[in-house]
Amino acid sequence: MRKFNHQKALEALLILRGETGISVNDIYKITKINDIEYSFYLLNLIEKSLNDSSLFLKYNPAKKRYFLALPNEYYSFLSEKDLIKSPLSKSVLATLACIIIELEEGVVTVEKLKQLRGKMVINHLKSLENEGLITISEENILPTDKLLTKININQVIKGIKEI
């Protein structure tokens, strides 16, 4: 089994959730470590990885959530390139976030997602498969290169540098 990278999982979730962002409780769920210092350590690593870019990690105290932010002049460029916004519905994005989080176990199954998200998850999986983000093989859900590229924070940084 490959080692699960908490920082990469959080970066992926930050990108997938967009303006909704993530809370410290989300970090606890992803890492399965209920430690505020470790959560802040991971957030600090993400901030440091963004140092040479226009992206920055921002905290919304009213909602108690962290999210990726960028100067307004970059927003339209990234939206056009589909690097921040997603054409997928919120429920499909939530399913995709579950898939990414469940990758810690190594294998994500359709049955496991049905337990987490309900029977409607089948429609979400079809949408994700049609978008080329996942493949389903023998009831196992596998991320595609397109998904891994899409959720890679370095790809977002590269897009900004091209401006």
C-alpha atoms as a PDB file:
ATOM      1  CA  MET A   1       0.000   0.000   0.000  1.00  0.00           C
ATOM      2  CA  ARG A   2       1.346   3.425  -0.883  1.00  0.00           C
ATOM      3  CA  LYS A   3       1.780   6.059   1.798  1.00  0.00           C
ATOM      4  CA  PHE A   4      -1.078   8.548   2.074  1.00  0.00           C
ATOM      5  CA  ASN A   5       0.055  12.169   1.774  1.00  0.00           C
ATOM      6  CA  HIS A   6      -2.101  14.359   4.025  1.00  0.00           C
ATOM      7  CA  GLN A   7      -0.796  17.593   2.501  1.00  0.00           C
ATOM      8  CA  LYS A   8      -1.688  16.509  -1.053  1.00  0.00           C
ATOM      9  CA  ALA A   9      -5.122  15.336   0.099  1.00  0.00           C
ATOM     10  CA  LEU A  10      -5.815  18.729   1.680  1.00  0.00           C
ATOM     11  CA  GLU A  11      -4.564  20.561  -1.403  1.00  0.00           C
ATOM     12  CA  ALA A  12      -6.896  18.458  -3.532  1.00  0.00           C
ATOM     13  CA  LEU A  13      -9.826  19.141  -1.250  1.00  0.00           C
ATOM     14  CA  LEU A  14      -9.086  22.878  -1.217  1.00  0.00           C
ATOM     15  CA  ILE A  15      -9.158  22.937  -5.005  1.00  0.00           C
ATOM     16  CA  LEU A  16     -12.266  20.780  -5.265  1.00  0.00           C
ATOM     17  CA  ARG A  17     -14.236  22.774  -2.723  1.00  0.00           C
ATOM     18  CA  GLY A  18     -13.248  26.161  -4.110  1.00  0.00           C
ATOM     19  CA  GLU A  19     -14.749  29.022  -2.135  1.00  0.00           C
ATOM     20  CA  THR A  20     -16.385  26.621   0.335  1.00  0.00           C
ATOM     21  CA  GLY A  21     -12.953  25.663   1.633  1.00  0.00           C
ATOM     22  CA  ILE A  22     -12.115  23.280   4.443  1.00  0.00           C
ATOM     23  CA  SER A  23     -12.483  23.390   8.202  1.00  0.00           C
ATOM     24  CA  VAL A  24     -10.223  22.013  10.900  1.00  0.00           C
ATOM     25  CA  ASN A  25     -12.813  19.251  11.362  1.00  0.00           C
ATOM     26  CA  ASP A  26     -12.360  18.338   7.679  1.00  0.00           C
ATOM     27  CA  ILE A  27      -8.633  18.056   8.334  1.00  0.00           C
ATOM     28  CA  TYR A  28      -9.310  15.772  11.304  1.00  0.00           C
ATOM     29  CA  LYS A  29     -11.498  13.545   9.118  1.00  0.00           C
ATOM     30  CA  ILE A  30      -8.922  13.331   6.346  1.00  0.00           C
ATOM     31  CA  THR A  31      -5.923  12.676   8.561  1.00  0.00           C
ATOM     32  CA  LYS A  32      -7.787  10.708  11.225  1.00  0.00           C
ATOM     33  CA  ILE A  33      -5.596  12.645  13.665  1.00  0.00           C
ATOM     34  CA  ASN A  34      -7.518  14.863  16.081  1.00  0.00           C
ATOM     35  CA  ASP A  35      -4.612  17.230  16.752  1.00  0.00           C
ATOM     36  CA  ILE A  36      -4.915  20.967  16.169  1.00  0.00           C
ATOM     37  CA  GLU A  37      -1.131  21.424  16.017  1.00  0.00           C
ATOM     38  CA  TYR A  38      -0.821  18.814  13.266  1.00  0.00           C
ATOM     39  CA  SER A  39      -3.664  20.504  11.378  1.00  0.00           C
ATOM     40  CA  PHE A  40      -1.919  23.863  11.579  1.00  0.00           C
ATOM     41  CA  TYR A  41       1.348  22.213  10.550  1.00  0.00           C
ATOM     42  CA  LEU A  42      -0.332  20.869   7.385  1.00  0.00           C
ATOM     43  CA  LEU A  43      -1.886  24.261   6.649  1.00  0.00           C
ATOM     44  CA  ASN A  44       1.541  25.846   7.112  1.00  0.00           C
ATOM     45  CA  LEU A  45       3.053  23.361   4.614  1.00  0.00           C
ATOM     46  CA  ILE A  46       0.381  24.319   2.089  1.00  0.00           C
ATOM     47  CA  GLU A  47       1.065  28.023   2.670  1.00  0.00           C
ATOM     48  CA  LYS A  48       4.782  27.461   2.126  1.00  0.00           C
ATOM     49  CA  SER A  49       4.118  25.532  -1.090  1.00  0.00           C
ATOM     50  CA  LEU A  50       2.244  28.607  -2.359  1.00  0.00           C
ATOM     51  CA  ASN A  51       5.022  31.097  -1.537  1.00  0.00           C
ATOM     52  CA  ASP A  52       6.233  31.471  -5.120  1.00  0.00           C
ATOM     53  CA  SER A  53       2.755  31.851  -6.568  1.00  0.00           C
ATOM     54  CA  SER A  54      -0.104  34.305  -6.573  1.00  0.00           C
ATOM     55  CA  LEU A  55      -2.327  31.847  -4.731  1.00  0.00           C
ATOM     56  CA  PHE A  56      -2.574  32.122  -0.983  1.00  0.00           C
ATOM     57  CA  LEU A  57      -4.382  30.319   1.785  1.00  0.00           C
ATOM     58  CA  LYS A  58      -7.024  32.495   3.387  1.00  0.00           C
ATOM     59  CA  TYR A  59      -9.080  32.002   6.546  1.00  0.00           C
ATOM     60  CA  ASN A  60     -12.719  33.055   6.800  1.00  0.00           C
ATOM     61  CA  PRO A  61     -13.333  33.594  10.532  1.00  0.00           C
ATOM     62  CA  ALA A  62     -17.117  33.842  10.111  1.00  0.00           C
ATOM     63  CA  LYS A  63     -17.297  30.390   8.534  1.00  0.00           C
ATOM     64  CA  LYS A  64     -14.200  28.992  10.301  1.00  0.00           C
ATOM     65  CA  ARG A  65     -12.878  27.667   7.003  1.00  0.00           C
ATOM     66  CA  TYR A  66      -9.675  27.896   4.970  1.00  0.00           C
ATOM     67  CA  PHE A  67      -9.763  28.329   1.208  1.00  0.00           C
ATOM     68  CA  LEU A  68      -7.480  29.119  -1.704  1.00  0.00           C
ATOM     69  CA  ALA A  69      -7.617  32.734  -2.748  1.00  0.00           C
ATOM     70  CA  LEU A  70      -6.048  34.663  -5.574  1.00  0.00           C
ATOM     71  CA  PRO A  71      -6.002  38.229  -6.824  1.00  0.00           C
ATOM     72  CA  ASN A  72      -9.072  39.152  -8.872  1.00  0.00           C
ATOM     73  CA  GLU A  73      -7.098  39.644 -12.086  1.00  0.00           C
ATOM     74  CA  TYR A  74      -6.197  35.948 -12.099  1.00  0.00           C
ATOM     75  CA  TYR A  75      -9.677  34.644 -11.356  1.00  0.00           C
ATOM     76  CA  SER A  76     -11.130  34.928 -14.875  1.00  0.00           C
ATOM     77  CA  PHE A  77      -8.052  33.313 -16.442  1.00  0.00           C
ATOM     78  CA  LEU A  78      -8.229  30.318 -14.118  1.00  0.00           C
ATOM     79  CA  SER A  79     -11.974  29.955 -14.585  1.00  0.00           C
ATOM     80  CA  GLU A  80     -11.505  29.837 -18.365  1.00  0.00           C
ATOM     81  CA  LYS A  81      -8.817  27.164 -17.970  1.00  0.00           C
ATOM     82  CA  ASP A  82     -11.102  25.187 -15.609  1.00  0.00           C
ATOM     83  CA  LEU A  83      -8.405  25.105 -12.938  1.00  0.00           C
ATOM     84  CA  ILE A  84     -10.484  26.405 -10.035  1.00  0.00           C
ATOM     85  CA  LYS A  85     -14.177  26.202 -10.902  1.00  0.00           C
ATOM     86  CA  SER A  86     -15.754  22.925 -11.846  1.00  0.00           C
ATOM     87  CA  PRO A  87     -18.705  22.286 -14.138  1.00  0.00           C
ATOM     88  CA  LEU A  88     -19.739  19.478 -11.784  1.00  0.00           C
ATOM     89  CA  SER A  89     -22.569  19.867  -9.289  1.00  0.00           C
ATOM     90  CA  LYS A  90     -21.839  20.244  -5.582  1.00  0.00           C
ATOM     91  CA  SER A  91     -23.112  16.741  -4.859  1.00  0.00           C
ATOM     92  CA  VAL A  92     -20.830  15.233  -7.518  1.00  0.00           C
ATOM     93  CA  LEU A  93     -17.902  17.254  -6.139  1.00  0.00           C
ATOM     94  CA  ALA A  94     -18.717  15.944  -2.652  1.00  0.00           C
ATOM     95  CA  THR A  95     -18.570  12.398  -4.030  1.00  0.00           C
ATOM     96  CA  LEU A  96     -15.260  13.190  -5.696  1.00  0.00           C
ATOM     97  CA  ALA A  97     -13.927  14.561  -2.393  1.00  0.00           C
ATOM     98  CA  CYS A  98     -14.990  11.308  -0.687  1.00  0.00           C
ATOM     99  CA  ILE A  99     -13.116   9.312  -3.323  1.00  0.00           C
ATOM    100  CA  ILE A 100      -9.956  11.336  -2.738  1.00  0.00           C
ATOM    101  CA  ILE A 101     -10.258  10.994   1.038  1.00  0.00           C
ATOM    102  CA  GLU A 102     -10.960   7.263   0.813  1.00  0.00           C
ATOM    103  CA  LEU A 103      -7.847   6.715  -1.318  1.00  0.00           C
ATOM    104  CA  GLU A 104      -6.026   6.550   2.031  1.00  0.00           C
ATOM    105  CA  GLU A 105      -7.360   3.000   2.347  1.00  0.00           C
ATOM    106  CA  GLY A 106      -5.798   2.221  -1.016  1.00  0.00           C
ATOM    107  CA  VAL A 107      -8.934   0.914  -2.713  1.00  0.00           C
ATOM    108  CA  VAL A 108     -12.177   2.817  -3.119  1.00  0.00           C
ATOM    109  CA  THR A 109     -15.167   0.645  -3.932  1.00  0.00           C
ATOM    110  CA  VAL A 110     -18.600   1.498  -5.262  1.00  0.00           C
ATOM    111  CA  GLU A 111     -20.125  -0.245  -2.235  1.00  0.00           C
ATOM    112  CA  LYS A 112     -18.121   1.898   0.202  1.00  0.00           C
ATOM    113  CA  LEU A 113     -19.274   5.071  -1.568  1.00  0.00           C
ATOM    114  CA  LYS A 114     -22.896   3.875  -1.467  1.00  0.00           C
ATOM    115  CA  GLN A 115     -22.532   3.587   2.310  1.00  0.00           C
ATOM    116  CA  LEU A 116     -21.006   7.057   2.575  1.00  0.00           C
ATOM    117  CA  ARG A 117     -23.103   8.945   0.042  1.00  0.00           C
ATOM    118  CA  GLY A 118     -26.236   6.863  -0.565  1.00  0.00           C
ATOM    119  CA  LYS A 119     -27.550   5.056  -3.640  1.00  0.00           C
ATOM    120  CA  MET A 120     -27.559   8.215  -5.780  1.00  0.00           C
ATOM    121  CA  VAL A 121     -23.775   7.947  -5.820  1.00  0.00           C
ATOM    122  CA  ILE A 122     -24.111   5.758  -8.925  1.00  0.00           C
ATOM    123  CA  ASN A 123     -25.256   8.825 -10.906  1.00  0.00           C
ATOM    124  CA  HIS A 124     -22.363  10.844  -9.480  1.00  0.00           C
ATOM    125  CA  LEU A 125     -19.906   8.139 -10.499  1.00  0.00           C
ATOM    126  CA  LYS A 126     -21.311   8.138 -14.026  1.00  0.00           C
ATOM    127  CA  SER A 127     -20.793  11.910 -14.198  1.00  0.00           C
ATOM    128  CA  LEU A 128     -17.236  11.602 -12.927  1.00  0.00           C
ATOM    129  CA  GLU A 129     -16.518   8.775 -15.360  1.00  0.00           C
ATOM    130  CA  ASN A 130     -18.013  10.778 -18.258  1.00  0.00           C
ATOM    131  CA  GLU A 131     -15.730  13.693 -17.308  1.00  0.00           C
ATOM    132  CA  GLY A 132     -12.775  11.299 -17.427  1.00  0.00           C
ATOM    133  CA  LEU A 133     -11.898  11.842 -13.768  1.00  0.00           C
ATOM    134  CA  ILE A 134     -12.322   8.234 -12.627  1.00  0.00           C
ATOM    135  CA  THR A 135     -12.593   4.746 -14.056  1.00  0.00           C
ATOM    136  CA  ILE A 136     -14.556   1.891 -12.544  1.00  0.00           C
ATOM    137  CA  SER A 137     -12.975  -1.523 -12.785  1.00  0.00           C
ATOM    138  CA  GLU A 138     -14.481  -4.549 -11.041  1.00  0.00           C
ATOM    139  CA  GLU A 139     -16.386  -2.280  -8.586  1.00  0.00           C
ATOM    140  CA  ASN A 140     -13.148  -0.451  -7.713  1.00  0.00           C
ATOM    141  CA  ILE A 141     -12.936   3.262  -8.377  1.00  0.00           C
ATOM    142  CA  LEU A 142      -9.622   4.440  -9.758  1.00  0.00           C
ATOM    143  CA  PRO A 143      -8.515   8.056 -10.249  1.00  0.00           C
ATOM    144  CA  THR A 144      -7.384   8.909 -13.768  1.00  0.00           C
ATOM    145  CA  ASP A 145      -4.376  10.977 -14.767  1.00  0.00           C
ATOM    146  CA  LYS A 146      -6.810  13.771 -15.643  1.00  0.00           C
ATOM    147  CA  LEU A 147      -8.072  13.839 -12.053  1.00  0.00           C
ATOM    148  CA  LEU A 148      -4.601  13.669 -10.581  1.00  0.00           C
ATOM    149  CA  THR A 149      -3.519  16.548 -12.831  1.00  0.00           C
ATOM    150  CA  LYS A 150      -6.672  18.549 -12.142  1.00  0.00           C
ATOM    151  CA  ILE A 151      -6.312  18.409  -8.385  1.00  0.00           C
ATOM    152  CA  ASN A 152      -2.579  19.021  -8.384  1.00  0.00           C
ATOM    153  CA  ILE A 153      -1.969  22.401  -6.830  1.00  0.00           C
ATOM    154  CA  ASN A 154       1.227  22.739  -8.862  1.00  0.00           C
ATOM    155  CA  GLN A 155      -0.912  22.756 -12.025  1.00  0.00           C
ATOM    156  CA  VAL A 156      -2.850  25.727 -10.666  1.00  0.00           C
ATOM    157  CA  ILE A 157       0.392  27.528  -9.864  1.00  0.00           C
ATOM    158  CA  LYS A 158       1.695  26.759 -13.365  1.00  0.00           C
ATOM    159  CA  GLY A 159      -1.477  28.248 -14.868  1.00  0.00           C
ATOM    160  CA  ILE A 160      -0.974  31.442 -12.907  1.00  0.00           C
ATOM    161  CA  LYS A 161       2.649  31.739 -13.996  1.00  0.00           C
ATOM    162  CA  GLU A 162       1.533  31.541 -17.651  1.00  0.00           C
ATOM    163  CA  ILE A 163      -0.409  34.790 -17.308  1.00  0.00           C
END
